[in-house]
């Protein structure tokens, strides 16, 4: 079998231009990525001034070397725990209840409501000259 060369991935933009994404990625590997992680586009951890502090390979190596945690043989409910310290019970002196008078309540007399009267309007049939139509009716009330 003969291994084929990997074809370049070319993309067409909306304006009809052809863009090679892999070439664009490799050209901008050292540019700081947007966000608050302080890494570049490759994944290297950056320090002050954009200098590489830890490479991506070292970050991955540290991640896989850390133990994820071990499973214990005894369940958490059955694990022996320290007994809480019990303090001696203090005796409390009993007090006799003192009769107290209830606080006096204030009563407020309701104020009479004021009733406004409107003048009675008499029914007047509208004549054709007073009825507004079309644009005049729509513009009525706008100032």
Protein backbone atom coordinates (compact mmCIF):
# COMPACT_ATOMS: atom_id res chain seq x y z
CA UNK A 1 0.00 0.00 0.00
CA UNK A 2 1.12 3.45 -0.78
CA UNK A 3 0.37 6.16 1.79
CA UNK A 4 -1.41 9.10 0.30
CA UNK A 5 -0.47 12.64 1.13
CA UNK A 6 -3.02 14.38 3.28
CA UNK A 7 -4.96 16.84 1.11
CA UNK A 8 -4.91 20.49 2.17
CA UNK A 9 -8.17 21.69 3.65
CA UNK A 10 -9.12 24.78 1.73
CA UNK A 11 -12.26 26.69 2.65
CA UNK A 12 -14.17 29.21 0.57
CA UNK A 13 -15.35 32.34 2.38
CA UNK A 14 -18.61 34.12 1.67
CA UNK A 15 -16.70 36.61 -0.44
CA UNK A 16 -15.29 33.78 -2.58
CA UNK A 17 -11.74 33.82 -1.22
CA UNK A 18 -9.92 30.55 -0.53
CA UNK A 19 -8.44 30.17 2.98
CA UNK A 20 -6.04 27.46 4.22
CA UNK A 21 -7.02 26.98 7.89
CA UNK A 22 -3.97 24.83 8.80
CA UNK A 23 -1.60 27.48 7.48
CA UNK A 24 -3.48 30.16 9.41
CA UNK A 25 -3.31 28.09 12.63
CA UNK A 26 0.42 27.44 12.34
CA UNK A 27 1.12 31.11 11.62
CA UNK A 28 -0.66 32.23 14.81
CA UNK A 29 0.50 29.53 17.27
CA UNK A 30 2.45 31.96 19.44
CA UNK A 31 -0.32 34.58 19.70
CA UNK A 32 -1.94 34.85 23.14
CA UNK A 33 -5.40 33.30 23.19
CA UNK A 34 -8.44 35.32 24.15
CA UNK A 35 -9.65 34.60 27.69
CA UNK A 36 -8.38 34.50 31.22
CA UNK A 37 -6.28 31.31 31.10
CA UNK A 38 -3.00 33.01 30.04
CA UNK A 39 -2.19 30.52 27.28
CA UNK A 40 -1.22 30.91 23.65
CA UNK A 41 -3.04 29.26 20.74
CA UNK A 42 -0.84 26.17 21.02
CA UNK A 43 -1.70 25.68 24.70
CA UNK A 44 1.56 26.78 26.36
CA UNK A 45 1.13 28.56 29.70
CA UNK A 46 2.32 32.15 29.42
CA UNK A 47 3.87 34.33 32.10
CA UNK A 48 4.59 38.04 32.35
CA UNK A 49 5.20 39.68 28.97
CA UNK A 50 3.91 36.68 27.01
CA UNK A 51 6.92 34.47 27.77
CA UNK A 52 6.29 30.69 27.74
CA UNK A 53 6.46 29.39 31.33
CA UNK A 54 5.27 25.82 30.80
CA UNK A 55 4.97 24.08 27.44
CA UNK A 56 1.87 22.18 26.39
CA UNK A 57 3.75 18.86 26.58
CA UNK A 58 4.72 19.52 30.22
CA UNK A 59 1.14 20.48 31.12
CA UNK A 60 -0.19 17.24 29.64
CA UNK A 61 2.54 15.18 31.35
CA UNK A 62 1.74 16.70 34.77
CA UNK A 63 -1.99 16.08 34.23
CA UNK A 64 -1.57 12.36 33.59
CA UNK A 65 1.02 11.86 36.36
CA UNK A 66 -1.29 13.15 39.09
CA UNK A 67 -3.23 10.41 40.88
CA UNK A 68 -6.95 10.71 40.38
CA UNK A 69 -7.79 9.33 43.81
CA UNK A 70 -7.94 5.85 45.19
CA UNK A 71 -11.02 3.86 45.98
CA UNK A 72 -11.17 2.92 49.65
CA UNK A 73 -12.32 -0.51 50.80
CA UNK A 74 -14.59 0.79 53.53
CA UNK A 75 -17.64 2.85 52.61
CA UNK A 76 -17.85 6.37 53.98
CA UNK A 77 -20.85 5.59 56.22
CA UNK A 78 -19.06 2.77 58.02
CA UNK A 79 -15.75 4.53 58.51
CA UNK A 80 -14.87 5.04 62.16
CA UNK A 81 -15.16 8.66 63.13
CA UNK A 82 -13.99 10.50 66.18
CA UNK A 83 -16.59 10.65 68.88
CA UNK A 84 -17.75 14.20 69.54
CA UNK A 85 -16.69 15.64 72.84
CA UNK A 86 -19.57 15.63 75.30
CA UNK A 87 -19.63 18.52 77.71
CA UNK A 88 -21.19 18.06 81.15
CA UNK A 89 -24.77 19.29 81.42
CA UNK A 90 -25.07 22.53 83.34
CA UNK A 91 -27.96 22.90 85.74
CA UNK A 92 -30.28 25.77 84.98
CA UNK A 93 -32.03 27.65 87.74
CA UNK A 94 -35.78 27.76 87.18
CA UNK A 95 -37.42 31.15 87.13
CA UNK A 96 -40.94 31.92 88.17
CA UNK A 97 -43.06 33.50 85.44
CA UNK A 98 -43.93 37.15 85.90
CA UNK A 99 -47.41 38.29 84.91
CA UNK A 100 -47.19 41.04 82.34
CA UNK A 101 -49.87 43.32 81.01
CA UNK A 102 -50.57 43.24 77.31
CA UNK A 103 -49.53 46.33 75.42
CA UNK A 104 -52.39 48.74 74.74
CA UNK A 105 -53.55 48.80 71.13
CA UNK A 106 -54.21 52.03 69.32
CA UNK A 107 -57.48 52.34 67.51
CA UNK A 108 -57.74 54.75 64.65
CA UNK A 109 -61.12 56.07 63.60
CA UNK A 110 -61.73 55.73 59.86
CA UNK A 111 -61.81 59.00 57.96
CA UNK A 112 -64.90 59.68 55.83
CA UNK A 113 -64.30 59.36 52.12
CA UNK A 114 -64.77 62.37 49.92
CA UNK A 115 -67.09 61.75 47.02
CA UNK A 116 -66.67 63.87 43.95
CA UNK A 117 -69.73 64.47 41.85
CA UNK A 118 -69.62 64.91 38.12
CA UNK A 119 -72.10 66.99 36.25
CA UNK A 120 -74.71 64.99 34.38
CA UNK A 121 -74.30 65.15 30.65
CA UNK A 122 -77.34 65.17 28.46
CA UNK A 123 -77.41 62.98 25.39
CA UNK A 124 -76.94 64.89 22.17
CA UNK A 125 -77.11 62.99 18.91
CA UNK A 126 -74.05 63.66 16.77
CA UNK A 127 -74.68 65.29 13.49
CA UNK A 128 -72.69 64.52 10.39
CA UNK A 129 -70.74 67.75 10.72
CA UNK A 130 -69.43 66.81 14.22
CA UNK A 131 -68.49 63.19 13.36
CA UNK A 132 -64.85 62.98 12.21
CA UNK A 133 -63.83 60.49 9.59
CA UNK A 134 -60.58 59.22 8.12
CA UNK A 135 -57.38 61.10 8.92
CA UNK A 136 -59.21 63.71 11.03
CA UNK A 137 -60.49 60.96 13.35
CA UNK A 138 -57.00 59.38 13.58
CA UNK A 139 -55.30 62.69 14.33
CA UNK A 140 -57.90 63.70 16.93
CA UNK A 141 -56.25 63.92 20.32
CA UNK A 142 -52.68 64.13 19.01
CA UNK A 143 -50.93 67.39 19.60
